[in-house]
PDB file of N, CA and C in Angstrom:
ATOM      1  N   MET A   1      17.633  -0.360   8.509  1.00  0.00           N
ATOM      2  CA  MET A   1      16.846   0.618   8.084  1.00  0.00           C
ATOM      3  C   MET A   1      17.693   1.893   8.173  1.00  0.00           C
ATOM      4  N   LYS A   2      17.877   2.645   7.327  1.00  0.00           N
ATOM      5  CA  LYS A   2      18.702   3.991   7.353  1.00  0.00           C
ATOM      6  C   LYS A   2      17.568   5.098   7.382  1.00  0.00           C
ATOM      7  N   ILE A   3      17.612   6.029   8.415  1.00  0.00           N
ATOM      8  CA  ILE A   3      16.923   7.132   8.684  1.00  0.00           C
ATOM      9  C   ILE A   3      18.277   8.268   8.380  1.00  0.00           C
ATOM     10  N   ALA A   4      18.048   8.814   7.188  1.00  0.00           N
ATOM     11  CA  ALA A   4      18.844   9.883   6.714  1.00  0.00           C
ATOM     12  C   ALA A   4      18.889  11.180   7.648  1.00  0.00           C
ATOM     13  N   GLY A   5      19.833  11.651   8.059  1.00  0.00           N
ATOM     14  CA  GLY A   5      20.083  13.125   8.814  1.00  0.00           C
ATOM     15  C   GLY A   5      19.620  13.002  10.175  1.00  0.00           C
ATOM     16  N   GLU A   6      19.483  11.863  10.701  1.00  0.00           N
ATOM     17  CA  GLU A   6      18.937  11.675  12.268  1.00  0.00           C
ATOM     18  C   GLU A   6      19.962  10.889  13.110  1.00  0.00           C
ATOM     19  N   GLY A   7      21.004  10.839  12.630  1.00  0.00           N
ATOM     20  CA  GLY A   7      22.210  10.254  13.524  1.00  0.00           C
ATOM     21  C   GLY A   7      22.969  11.068  14.287  1.00  0.00           C
ATOM     22  N   ILE A   8      24.286  10.997  14.896  1.00  0.00           N
ATOM     23  CA  ILE A   8      25.277  11.616  15.387  1.00  0.00           C
ATOM     24  C   ILE A   8      25.800  12.749  14.434  1.00  0.00           C
ATOM     25  N   LYS A   9      25.957  14.010  14.929  1.00  0.00           N
ATOM     26  CA  LYS A   9      26.661  14.865  14.422  1.00  0.00           C
ATOM     27  C   LYS A   9      28.013  14.457  14.383  1.00  0.00           C
ATOM     28  N   ARG A  10      28.673  14.861  13.328  1.00  0.00           N
ATOM     29  CA  ARG A  10      30.328  14.736  12.682  1.00  0.00           C
ATOM     30  C   ARG A  10      30.444  16.096  11.976  1.00  0.00           C
ATOM     31  N   ARG A  11      31.327  16.549  12.190  1.00  0.00           N
ATOM     32  CA  ARG A  11      31.919  17.964  11.606  1.00  0.00           C
ATOM     33  C   ARG A  11      30.684  18.944  11.271  1.00  0.00           C
ATOM     34  N   GLY A  12      29.897  18.927  12.465  1.00  0.00           N
ATOM     35  CA  GLY A  12      28.797  19.912  12.264  1.00  0.00           C
ATOM     36  C   GLY A  12      27.603  19.483  11.528  1.00  0.00           C
ATOM     37  N   LYS A  13      27.740  17.871  10.707  1.00  0.00           N
ATOM     38  CA  LYS A  13      26.563  17.810  10.085  1.00  0.00           C
ATOM     39  C   LYS A  13      25.927  16.196  10.701  1.00  0.00           C
ATOM     40  N   PRO A  14      24.792  16.348  10.667  1.00  0.00           N
ATOM     41  CA  PRO A  14      23.898  14.781  11.261  1.00  0.00           C
ATOM     42  C   PRO A  14      24.236  13.904  10.114  1.00  0.00           C
ATOM     43  N   GLY A  15      24.817  12.829  11.012  1.00  0.00           N
ATOM     44  CA  GLY A  15      24.957  11.521  10.084  1.00  0.00           C
ATOM     45  C   GLY A  15      23.480  10.784   9.775  1.00  0.00           C
ATOM     46  N   ASP A  16      23.642   9.534   9.336  1.00  0.00           N
ATOM     47  CA  ASP A  16      22.451   8.931   8.902  1.00  0.00           C
ATOM     48  C   ASP A  16      22.217   7.725  10.464  1.00  0.00           C
ATOM     49  N   LEU A  17      20.955   7.636  10.941  1.00  0.00           N
ATOM     50  CA  LEU A  17      20.624   6.830  11.943  1.00  0.00           C
ATOM     51  C   LEU A  17      20.292   5.530  11.180  1.00  0.00           C
ATOM     52  N   LEU A  18      21.042   4.299  11.743  1.00  0.00           N
ATOM     53  CA  LEU A  18      21.017   3.078  11.358  1.00  0.00           C
ATOM     54  C   LEU A  18      20.056   2.213  12.437  1.00  0.00           C
ATOM     55  N   VAL A  19      19.026   1.697  11.962  1.00  0.00           N
ATOM     56  CA  VAL A  19      18.114   1.096  13.019  1.00  0.00           C
ATOM     57  C   VAL A  19      18.000  -0.336  12.487  1.00  0.00           C
ATOM     58  N   ARG A  20      18.192  -1.202  13.517  1.00  0.00           N
ATOM     59  CA  ARG A  20      18.075  -2.675  13.367  1.00  0.00           C
ATOM     60  C   ARG A  20      16.599  -3.310  13.732  1.00  0.00           C
ATOM     61  N   VAL A  21      15.723  -4.017  13.313  1.00  0.00           N
ATOM     62  CA  VAL A  21      14.582  -4.213  13.550  1.00  0.00           C
ATOM     63  C   VAL A  21      14.317  -5.673  13.824  1.00  0.00           C
ATOM     64  N   LYS A  22      14.178  -6.351  14.784  1.00  0.00           N
ATOM     65  CA  LYS A  22      13.820  -7.828  14.918  1.00  0.00           C
ATOM     66  C   LYS A  22      12.329  -8.035  15.020  1.00  0.00           C
ATOM     67  N   ILE A  23      11.813  -8.870  14.333  1.00  0.00           N
ATOM     68  CA  ILE A  23      10.425  -9.153  14.462  1.00  0.00           C
ATOM     69  C   ILE A  23      10.426 -10.473  14.900  1.00  0.00           C
ATOM     70  N   VAL A  24       9.468 -10.338  15.887  1.00  0.00           N
ATOM     71  CA  VAL A  24       9.483 -11.957  16.266  1.00  0.00           C
ATOM     72  C   VAL A  24       7.570 -12.320  16.102  1.00  0.00           C
ATOM     73  N   THR A  25       7.504 -13.499  15.329  1.00  0.00           N
ATOM     74  CA  THR A  25       5.916 -13.407  15.262  1.00  0.00           C
ATOM     75  C   THR A  25       5.576 -15.118  16.204  1.00  0.00           C
ATOM     76  N   PRO A  26       4.547 -14.879  16.665  1.00  0.00           N
ATOM     77  CA  PRO A  26       4.051 -16.156  17.509  1.00  0.00           C
ATOM     78  C   PRO A  26       4.213 -17.306  16.371  1.00  0.00           C
ATOM     79  N   LYS A  27       4.295 -18.597  16.904  1.00  0.00           N
ATOM     80  CA  LYS A  27       4.068 -19.941  16.106  1.00  0.00           C
ATOM     81  C   LYS A  27       2.508 -20.141  15.943  1.00  0.00           C
ATOM     82  N   SER A  28       1.923 -19.707  17.027  1.00  0.00           N
ATOM     83  CA  SER A  28       0.554 -20.179  16.920  1.00  0.00           C
ATOM     84  C   SER A  28      -0.213 -19.099  17.821  1.00  0.00           C
ATOM     85  N   ILE A  29      -1.431 -18.569  17.596  1.00  0.00           N
ATOM     86  CA  ILE A  29      -2.108 -17.760  18.304  1.00  0.00           C
ATOM     87  C   ILE A  29      -3.601 -18.478  18.720  1.00  0.00           C
ATOM     88  N   SER A  30      -4.057 -18.182  19.769  1.00  0.00           N
ATOM     89  CA  SER A  30      -5.549 -18.594  20.404  1.00  0.00           C
ATOM     90  C   SER A  30      -6.888 -17.882  19.488  1.00  0.00           C
ATOM     91  N   GLY A  31      -7.610 -18.662  19.547  1.00  0.00           N
ATOM     92  CA  GLY A  31      -8.829 -17.841  18.703  1.00  0.00           C
ATOM     93  C   GLY A  31      -9.300 -16.601  19.212  1.00  0.00           C
ATOM     94  N   GLU A  32      -8.974 -16.325  20.603  1.00  0.00           N
ATOM     95  CA  GLU A  32      -9.404 -15.020  21.171  1.00  0.00           C
ATOM     96  C   GLU A  32      -8.101 -14.087  20.650  1.00  0.00           C
ATOM     97  N   GLN A  33      -7.189 -14.314  20.203  1.00  0.00           N
ATOM     98  CA  GLN A  33      -5.988 -13.384  20.168  1.00  0.00           C
ATOM     99  C   GLN A  33      -6.395 -13.170  18.606  1.00  0.00           C
ATOM    100  N   ARG A  34      -6.861 -14.064  17.779  1.00  0.00           N
ATOM    101  CA  ARG A  34      -6.971 -13.910  16.228  1.00  0.00           C
ATOM    102  C   ARG A  34      -8.349 -12.792  15.899  1.00  0.00           C
ATOM    103  N   GLU A  35      -8.992 -13.113  16.954  1.00  0.00           N
ATOM    104  CA  GLU A  35     -10.384 -12.198  16.900  1.00  0.00           C
ATOM    105  C   GLU A  35     -10.032 -10.771  17.434  1.00  0.00           C
ATOM    106  N   LEU A  36      -9.269 -10.428  18.255  1.00  0.00           N
ATOM    107  CA  LEU A  36      -8.520  -9.356  18.444  1.00  0.00           C
ATOM    108  C   LEU A  36      -7.783  -8.744  17.592  1.00  0.00           C
ATOM    109  N   TYR A  37      -6.947  -9.148  16.971  1.00  0.00           N
ATOM    110  CA  TYR A  37      -6.009  -8.863  15.598  1.00  0.00           C
ATOM    111  C   TYR A  37      -6.925  -8.605  14.571  1.00  0.00           C
ATOM    112  N   VAL A  38      -8.118  -9.186  14.473  1.00  0.00           N
ATOM    113  CA  VAL A  38      -9.090  -8.871  13.180  1.00  0.00           C
ATOM    114  C   VAL A  38      -9.734  -7.565  13.862  1.00  0.00           C
ATOM    115  N   LYS A  39     -10.069  -7.215  15.037  1.00  0.00           N
ATOM    116  CA  LYS A  39     -10.961  -6.200  15.348  1.00  0.00           C
ATOM    117  C   LYS A  39      -9.796  -4.901  15.141  1.00  0.00           C
ATOM    118  N   LEU A  40      -8.480  -5.146  15.457  1.00  0.00           N
ATOM    119  CA  LEU A  40      -7.724  -4.201  15.579  1.00  0.00           C
ATOM    120  C   LEU A  40      -7.402  -3.545  13.977  1.00  0.00           C
ATOM    121  N   ALA A  41      -7.652  -4.603  13.076  1.00  0.00           N
ATOM    122  CA  ALA A  41      -7.457  -4.266  11.827  1.00  0.00           C
ATOM    123  C   ALA A  41      -8.631  -3.557  11.341  1.00  0.00           C
ATOM    124  N   GLU A  42     -10.039  -3.685  11.684  1.00  0.00           N
ATOM    125  CA  GLU A  42     -11.288  -3.291  11.405  1.00  0.00           C
ATOM    126  C   GLU A  42     -11.146  -1.837  11.925  1.00  0.00           C
ATOM    127  N   LEU A  43     -10.638  -1.508  13.138  1.00  0.00           N
ATOM    128  CA  LEU A  43     -10.926  -0.230  14.041  1.00  0.00           C
ATOM    129  C   LEU A  43      -9.663   0.962  12.909  1.00  0.00           C
ATOM    130  N   GLU A  44      -8.607  -0.075  12.578  1.00  0.00           N
ATOM    131  CA  GLU A  44      -7.719   0.749  11.865  1.00  0.00           C
ATOM    132  C   GLU A  44      -8.299   0.988   9.941  1.00  0.00           C
ATOM    133  N   GLY A  45      -9.396   0.333   9.788  1.00  0.00           N
ATOM    134  CA  GLY A  45     -10.220   0.592   8.366  1.00  0.00           C
ATOM    135  C   GLY A  45      -9.415  -0.182   7.425  1.00  0.00           C
ATOM    136  N   LYS A  46      -8.885  -1.215   7.914  1.00  0.00           N
ATOM    137  CA  LYS A  46      -8.152  -2.187   6.900  1.00  0.00           C
ATOM    138  C   LYS A  46      -8.909  -3.613   6.861  1.00  0.00           C
ATOM    139  N   SER A  47      -8.992  -4.410   6.136  1.00  0.00           N
ATOM    140  CA  SER A  47      -9.025  -5.878   6.085  1.00  0.00           C
ATOM    141  C   SER A  47      -7.926  -6.554   6.350  1.00  0.00           C
ATOM    142  N   SER A  48      -8.373  -7.446   7.447  1.00  0.00           N
ATOM    143  CA  SER A  48      -7.131  -8.653   7.727  1.00  0.00           C
ATOM    144  C   SER A  48      -6.442  -9.109   6.496  1.00  0.00           C
ATOM    145  N   GLY A  49      -5.123  -9.264   6.580  1.00  0.00           N
ATOM    146  CA  GLY A  49      -4.482  -9.776   5.505  1.00  0.00           C
ATOM    147  C   GLY A  49      -4.178  -8.893   3.929  1.00  0.00           C
ATOM    148  N   SER A  50      -4.400  -7.510   4.315  1.00  0.00           N
ATOM    149  CA  SER A  50      -4.047  -7.084   3.265  1.00  0.00           C
ATOM    150  C   SER A  50      -2.865  -5.957   3.510  1.00  0.00           C
ATOM    151  N   GLY A  51      -1.776  -6.651   2.955  1.00  0.00           N
ATOM    152  CA  GLY A  51      -0.511  -5.484   2.994  1.00  0.00           C
ATOM    153  C   GLY A  51       0.392  -5.675   4.486  1.00  0.00           C
ATOM    154  N   GLY A  52      -0.030  -5.991   5.330  1.00  0.00           N
ATOM    155  CA  GLY A  52       0.505  -6.444   6.722  1.00  0.00           C
ATOM    156  C   GLY A  52       0.832  -5.395   7.379  1.00  0.00           C
ATOM    157  N   PHE A  53       1.366  -5.440   8.630  1.00  0.00           N
ATOM    158  CA  PHE A  53       1.718  -4.317   9.544  1.00  0.00           C
ATOM    159  C   PHE A  53       2.316  -3.464   9.041  1.00  0.00           C
ATOM    160  N   PHE A  54       3.744  -3.748   8.395  1.00  0.00           N
ATOM    161  CA  PHE A  54       4.576  -2.553   7.963  1.00  0.00           C
ATOM    162  C   PHE A  54       4.260  -1.688   6.566  1.00  0.00           C
ATOM    163  N   SER A  55       3.127  -2.171   6.066  1.00  0.00           N
ATOM    164  CA  SER A  55       2.705  -1.423   4.778  1.00  0.00           C
ATOM    165  C   SER A  55       2.344  -0.178   5.284  1.00  0.00           C
ATOM    166  N   GLY A  56       1.644  -0.020   6.450  1.00  0.00           N
ATOM    167  CA  GLY A  56       1.152   1.376   6.909  1.00  0.00           C
ATOM    168  C   GLY A  56       2.166   2.116   7.674  1.00  0.00           C
ATOM    169  N   ILE A  57       3.221   1.598   8.297  1.00  0.00           N
ATOM    170  CA  ILE A  57       4.179   2.184   8.843  1.00  0.00           C
ATOM    171  C   ILE A  57       5.392   2.594   8.249  1.00  0.00           C
ATOM    172  N   MET A  58       5.768   1.796   7.022  1.00  0.00           N
ATOM    173  CA  MET A  58       6.597   2.167   6.261  1.00  0.00           C
ATOM    174  C   MET A  58       6.320   3.363   5.221  1.00  0.00           C
ATOM    175  N   GLY A  59       4.948   3.528   4.966  1.00  0.00           N
ATOM    176  CA  GLY A  59       4.744   4.455   3.737  1.00  0.00           C
ATOM    177  C   GLY A  59       4.813   3.711   2.347  1.00  0.00           C
ATOM    178  N   LYS A  60       5.166   4.735   1.405  1.00  0.00           N
ATOM    179  CA  LYS A  60       5.111   4.620   0.028  1.00  0.00           C
ATOM    180  C   LYS A  60       6.466   3.779  -0.144  1.00  0.00           C
ATOM    181  N   LYS A  61       6.607   2.936  -1.315  1.00  0.00           N
ATOM    182  CA  LYS A  61       7.747   2.284  -1.649  1.00  0.00           C
ATOM    183  C   LYS A  61       8.535   3.362  -2.436  1.00  0.00           C
ATOM    184  N   LYS A  62       9.924   3.132  -2.597  1.00  0.00           N
ATOM    185  CA  LYS A  62      10.693   3.858  -3.440  1.00  0.00           C
ATOM    186  C   LYS A  62      10.152   3.901  -4.932  1.00  0.00           C
ATOM    187  N   GLY A  63      10.344   5.354  -5.255  1.00  0.00           N
ATOM    188  CA  GLY A  63       9.778   5.304  -6.631  1.00  0.00           C
ATOM    189  C   GLY A  63       8.561   5.846  -6.766  1.00  0.00           C
ATOM    190  N   LYS A  64       7.569   5.365  -6.029  1.00  0.00           N
ATOM    191  CA  LYS A  64       6.139   6.038  -6.080  1.00  0.00           C
ATOM    192  C   LYS A  64       5.937   7.148  -5.042  1.00  0.00           C
ATOM    193  N   LYS A  65       4.865   7.877  -5.633  1.00  0.00           N
ATOM    194  CA  LYS A  65       4.992   9.388  -5.069  1.00  0.00           C
ATOM    195  C   LYS A  65       3.295   9.600  -5.221  1.00  0.00           C
TER     196      LYS A  65
END
């Protein structure tokens, strides 16, 4: 991911911050863990399975406003 203008300053101007994200998902979860994930989704006002975790974090896709 690139975050424009948030990197180290060079020649007085901030550069871009490059971020590497590593996502590790569990191979299987217990029934209790699944219930907790569903409860979390409900508390955030979203139904489970709609868009995923990053849809809420990353915001709108390029070209859409």
